[in-house]
Amino acid sequence: MNENEIYESIKQALLEAPRNQYTAELHLQMIKYADELKHITAKEFCEGVGLRLSFGTEFSKMRNLTQRLKASGLKTELL
């Protein structure tokens, strides 16, 4: 899956998320695609998905958290 396809997949998941689950879904998507998007900046992520730049901090946090989760056995490809 290329970068633009990932962005579109994330956008679709966010559109389908219940209103009270938007942020949780965003975090899940960030974790799911952290490895594929490890070469981009938080700003590029926000621009690609169409988010406010303030969400860049969340992207950075989730990318860091992903490494710890994977070390504990999480298989991000199953998300």
N, C-alpha and C. Protein backbone atom coordinates (compact mmCIF):
# COMPACT_ATOMS: atom_id res chain seq x y z
N MET A 1 0.86 -1.17 0.00
CA MET A 1 0.00 0.00 0.00
C MET A 1 0.91 1.24 0.00
N ASN A 2 0.66 2.17 -0.91
CA ASN A 2 1.49 3.37 -0.94
C ASN A 2 0.96 4.43 0.04
N GLU A 3 1.72 5.47 0.19
CA GLU A 3 1.40 6.51 1.18
C GLU A 3 0.02 7.12 0.95
N ASN A 4 -0.32 7.44 -0.28
CA ASN A 4 -1.63 8.04 -0.56
C ASN A 4 -2.76 7.08 -0.26
N GLU A 5 -2.56 5.81 -0.53
CA GLU A 5 -3.59 4.81 -0.21
C GLU A 5 -3.78 4.70 1.30
N ILE A 6 -2.69 4.79 2.03
CA ILE A 6 -2.77 4.75 3.49
C ILE A 6 -3.57 5.95 4.00
N TYR A 7 -3.27 7.14 3.48
CA TYR A 7 -4.01 8.33 3.89
C TYR A 7 -5.50 8.17 3.61
N GLU A 8 -5.83 7.65 2.45
CA GLU A 8 -7.24 7.47 2.09
C GLU A 8 -7.91 6.45 3.01
N SER A 9 -7.19 5.39 3.35
CA SER A 9 -7.71 4.37 4.26
C SER A 9 -7.98 4.97 5.64
N ILE A 10 -7.06 5.80 6.11
CA ILE A 10 -7.23 6.45 7.41
C ILE A 10 -8.42 7.41 7.37
N LYS A 11 -8.52 8.20 6.31
CA LYS A 11 -9.64 9.12 6.17
C LYS A 11 -10.97 8.38 6.22
N GLN A 12 -11.04 7.25 5.51
CA GLN A 12 -12.27 6.47 5.49
C GLN A 12 -12.60 5.90 6.87
N ALA A 13 -11.60 5.40 7.56
CA ALA A 13 -11.82 4.86 8.91
C ALA A 13 -12.32 5.96 9.84
N LEU A 14 -11.79 7.15 9.70
CA LEU A 14 -12.23 8.26 10.55
C LEU A 14 -13.65 8.69 10.22
N LEU A 15 -14.00 8.67 8.94
CA LEU A 15 -15.38 9.00 8.54
C LEU A 15 -16.39 8.01 9.11
N GLU A 16 -15.99 6.76 9.19
CA GLU A 16 -16.88 5.70 9.66
C GLU A 16 -16.90 5.55 11.18
N ALA A 17 -15.98 6.19 11.86
CA ALA A 17 -15.90 6.07 13.32
C ALA A 17 -17.06 6.80 13.99
N PRO A 18 -17.64 6.20 15.02
CA PRO A 18 -18.65 6.93 15.79
C PRO A 18 -18.04 8.22 16.34
N ARG A 19 -18.86 9.23 16.46
CA ARG A 19 -18.37 10.54 16.87
C ARG A 19 -17.57 10.50 18.16
N ASN A 20 -18.00 9.71 19.12
CA ASN A 20 -17.31 9.65 20.41
C ASN A 20 -16.09 8.73 20.38
N GLN A 21 -15.79 8.15 19.21
CA GLN A 21 -14.64 7.25 19.07
C GLN A 21 -13.61 7.77 18.06
N TYR A 22 -13.78 9.00 17.60
CA TYR A 22 -12.92 9.57 16.56
C TYR A 22 -11.44 9.54 16.97
N THR A 23 -11.13 10.04 18.15
CA THR A 23 -9.74 10.11 18.59
C THR A 23 -9.15 8.72 18.81
N ALA A 24 -9.94 7.82 19.37
CA ALA A 24 -9.47 6.45 19.56
C ALA A 24 -9.17 5.80 18.20
N GLU A 25 -10.05 6.02 17.23
CA GLU A 25 -9.83 5.47 15.89
C GLU A 25 -8.59 6.08 15.24
N LEU A 26 -8.40 7.38 15.44
CA LEU A 26 -7.21 8.04 14.90
C LEU A 26 -5.94 7.42 15.48
N HIS A 27 -5.93 7.22 16.79
CA HIS A 27 -4.77 6.61 17.43
C HIS A 27 -4.53 5.19 16.89
N LEU A 28 -5.59 4.43 16.75
CA LEU A 28 -5.47 3.07 16.23
C LEU A 28 -4.89 3.07 14.82
N GLN A 29 -5.37 3.97 13.98
CA GLN A 29 -4.86 4.05 12.61
C GLN A 29 -3.39 4.47 12.58
N MET A 30 -3.03 5.37 13.47
CA MET A 30 -1.63 5.79 13.56
C MET A 30 -0.72 4.62 13.94
N ILE A 31 -1.18 3.81 14.88
CA ILE A 31 -0.42 2.64 15.30
C ILE A 31 -0.36 1.62 14.16
N LYS A 32 -1.49 1.40 13.52
CA LYS A 32 -1.58 0.42 12.44
C LYS A 32 -0.58 0.71 11.32
N TYR A 33 -0.43 1.96 10.96
CA TYR A 33 0.42 2.32 9.83
C TYR A 33 1.75 2.96 10.22
N ALA A 34 2.12 2.87 11.48
CA ALA A 34 3.35 3.51 11.96
C ALA A 34 4.59 3.07 11.18
N ASP A 35 4.71 1.79 10.92
CA ASP A 35 5.90 1.30 10.20
C ASP A 35 5.95 1.81 8.77
N GLU A 36 4.82 1.81 8.10
CA GLU A 36 4.79 2.28 6.72
C GLU A 36 5.03 3.78 6.60
N LEU A 37 4.73 4.52 7.67
CA LEU A 37 4.86 5.97 7.64
C LEU A 37 6.03 6.49 8.49
N LYS A 38 6.97 5.60 8.81
CA LYS A 38 8.06 6.01 9.70
C LYS A 38 9.00 7.01 9.05
N HIS A 39 8.97 7.13 7.75
CA HIS A 39 9.87 8.05 7.04
C HIS A 39 9.30 9.47 6.88
N ILE A 40 8.06 9.69 7.30
CA ILE A 40 7.46 11.01 7.12
C ILE A 40 7.44 11.79 8.43
N THR A 41 7.26 13.09 8.31
CA THR A 41 7.16 13.93 9.50
C THR A 41 5.71 13.97 9.97
N ALA A 42 5.54 14.41 11.20
CA ALA A 42 4.20 14.57 11.74
C ALA A 42 3.39 15.57 10.92
N LYS A 43 4.05 16.61 10.46
CA LYS A 43 3.38 17.62 9.63
C LYS A 43 2.90 16.99 8.33
N GLU A 44 3.74 16.19 7.71
CA GLU A 44 3.35 15.53 6.46
C GLU A 44 2.17 14.59 6.68
N PHE A 45 2.16 13.90 7.82
CA PHE A 45 1.03 13.03 8.14
C PHE A 45 -0.26 13.83 8.23
N CYS A 46 -0.22 14.90 8.98
CA CYS A 46 -1.42 15.73 9.16
C CYS A 46 -1.91 16.28 7.83
N GLU A 47 -1.00 16.74 7.01
CA GLU A 47 -1.39 17.27 5.70
C GLU A 47 -1.97 16.17 4.82
N GLY A 48 -1.39 14.98 4.87
CA GLY A 48 -1.86 13.86 4.04
C GLY A 48 -3.25 13.39 4.42
N VAL A 49 -3.54 13.40 5.71
CA VAL A 49 -4.84 12.93 6.18
C VAL A 49 -5.86 14.07 6.24
N GLY A 50 -5.37 15.30 6.21
CA GLY A 50 -6.27 16.45 6.28
C GLY A 50 -6.63 16.84 7.70
N LEU A 51 -5.69 16.67 8.60
CA LEU A 51 -5.90 17.00 10.01
C LEU A 51 -5.23 18.32 10.36
N ARG A 52 -5.69 18.93 11.44
CA ARG A 52 -5.01 20.11 11.97
C ARG A 52 -3.60 19.70 12.37
N LEU A 53 -2.66 20.62 12.20
CA LEU A 53 -1.26 20.32 12.52
C LEU A 53 -1.06 19.96 13.99
N SER A 54 -1.97 20.38 14.84
CA SER A 54 -1.85 20.04 16.26
C SER A 54 -1.92 18.53 16.50
N PHE A 55 -2.48 17.77 15.57
CA PHE A 55 -2.52 16.32 15.70
C PHE A 55 -1.15 15.69 15.44
N GLY A 56 -0.20 16.47 14.98
CA GLY A 56 1.14 15.97 14.74
C GLY A 56 1.78 15.41 15.99
N THR A 57 1.51 16.04 17.12
CA THR A 57 2.04 15.55 18.40
C THR A 57 1.50 14.14 18.68
N GLU A 58 0.23 13.93 18.39
CA GLU A 58 -0.36 12.61 18.61
C GLU A 58 0.28 11.57 17.70
N PHE A 59 0.56 11.96 16.46
CA PHE A 59 1.21 11.05 15.52
C PHE A 59 2.58 10.63 16.06
N SER A 60 3.34 11.58 16.55
CA SER A 60 4.67 11.27 17.11
C SER A 60 4.56 10.35 18.32
N LYS A 61 3.60 10.62 19.18
CA LYS A 61 3.40 9.78 20.36
C LYS A 61 3.04 8.35 19.98
N MET A 62 2.12 8.21 19.03
CA MET A 62 1.67 6.88 18.64
C MET A 62 2.78 6.12 17.91
N ARG A 63 3.59 6.80 17.15
CA ARG A 63 4.71 6.13 16.47
C ARG A 63 5.69 5.60 17.51
N ASN A 64 5.96 6.38 18.55
CA ASN A 64 6.85 5.91 19.62
C ASN A 64 6.22 4.77 20.41
N LEU A 65 4.95 4.90 20.69
CA LEU A 65 4.24 3.86 21.44
C LEU A 65 4.19 2.55 20.66
N THR A 66 4.09 2.63 19.36
CA THR A 66 4.02 1.43 18.53
C THR A 66 5.23 0.53 18.74
N GLN A 67 6.39 1.11 18.86
CA GLN A 67 7.59 0.29 19.06
C GLN A 67 7.50 -0.49 20.36
N ARG A 68 7.00 0.13 21.40
CA ARG A 68 6.86 -0.57 22.69
C ARG A 68 5.78 -1.65 22.61
N LEU A 69 4.68 -1.33 21.94
CA LEU A 69 3.61 -2.31 21.80
C LEU A 69 4.08 -3.53 21.00
N LYS A 70 4.82 -3.29 19.93
CA LYS A 70 5.34 -4.39 19.12
C LYS A 70 6.34 -5.23 19.91
N ALA A 71 7.14 -4.59 20.74
CA ALA A 71 8.08 -5.31 21.58
C ALA A 71 7.35 -6.21 22.59
N SER A 72 6.12 -5.84 22.91
CA SER A 72 5.30 -6.63 23.84
C SER A 72 4.45 -7.67 23.12
N GLY A 73 4.58 -7.73 21.79
CA GLY A 73 3.88 -8.77 21.05
C GLY A 73 2.76 -8.31 20.14
N LEU A 74 2.45 -7.03 20.08
CA LEU A 74 1.38 -6.56 19.21
C LEU A 74 1.74 -6.80 17.75
N LYS A 75 0.80 -7.33 17.01
CA LYS A 75 0.99 -7.54 15.59
C LYS A 75 0.14 -6.48 14.87
N THR A 76 0.77 -5.39 14.46
CA THR A 76 0.03 -4.27 13.89
C THR A 76 -0.68 -4.67 12.60
N GLU A 77 -0.20 -5.67 11.91
CA GLU A 77 -0.86 -6.10 10.66
C GLU A 77 -2.23 -6.71 10.92
N LEU A 78 -2.54 -7.04 12.17
CA LEU A 78 -3.85 -7.60 12.51
C LEU A 78 -4.86 -6.53 12.90
N LEU A 79 -4.42 -5.31 13.01
CA LEU A 79 -5.35 -4.23 13.39
C LEU A 79 -6.28 -3.88 12.26
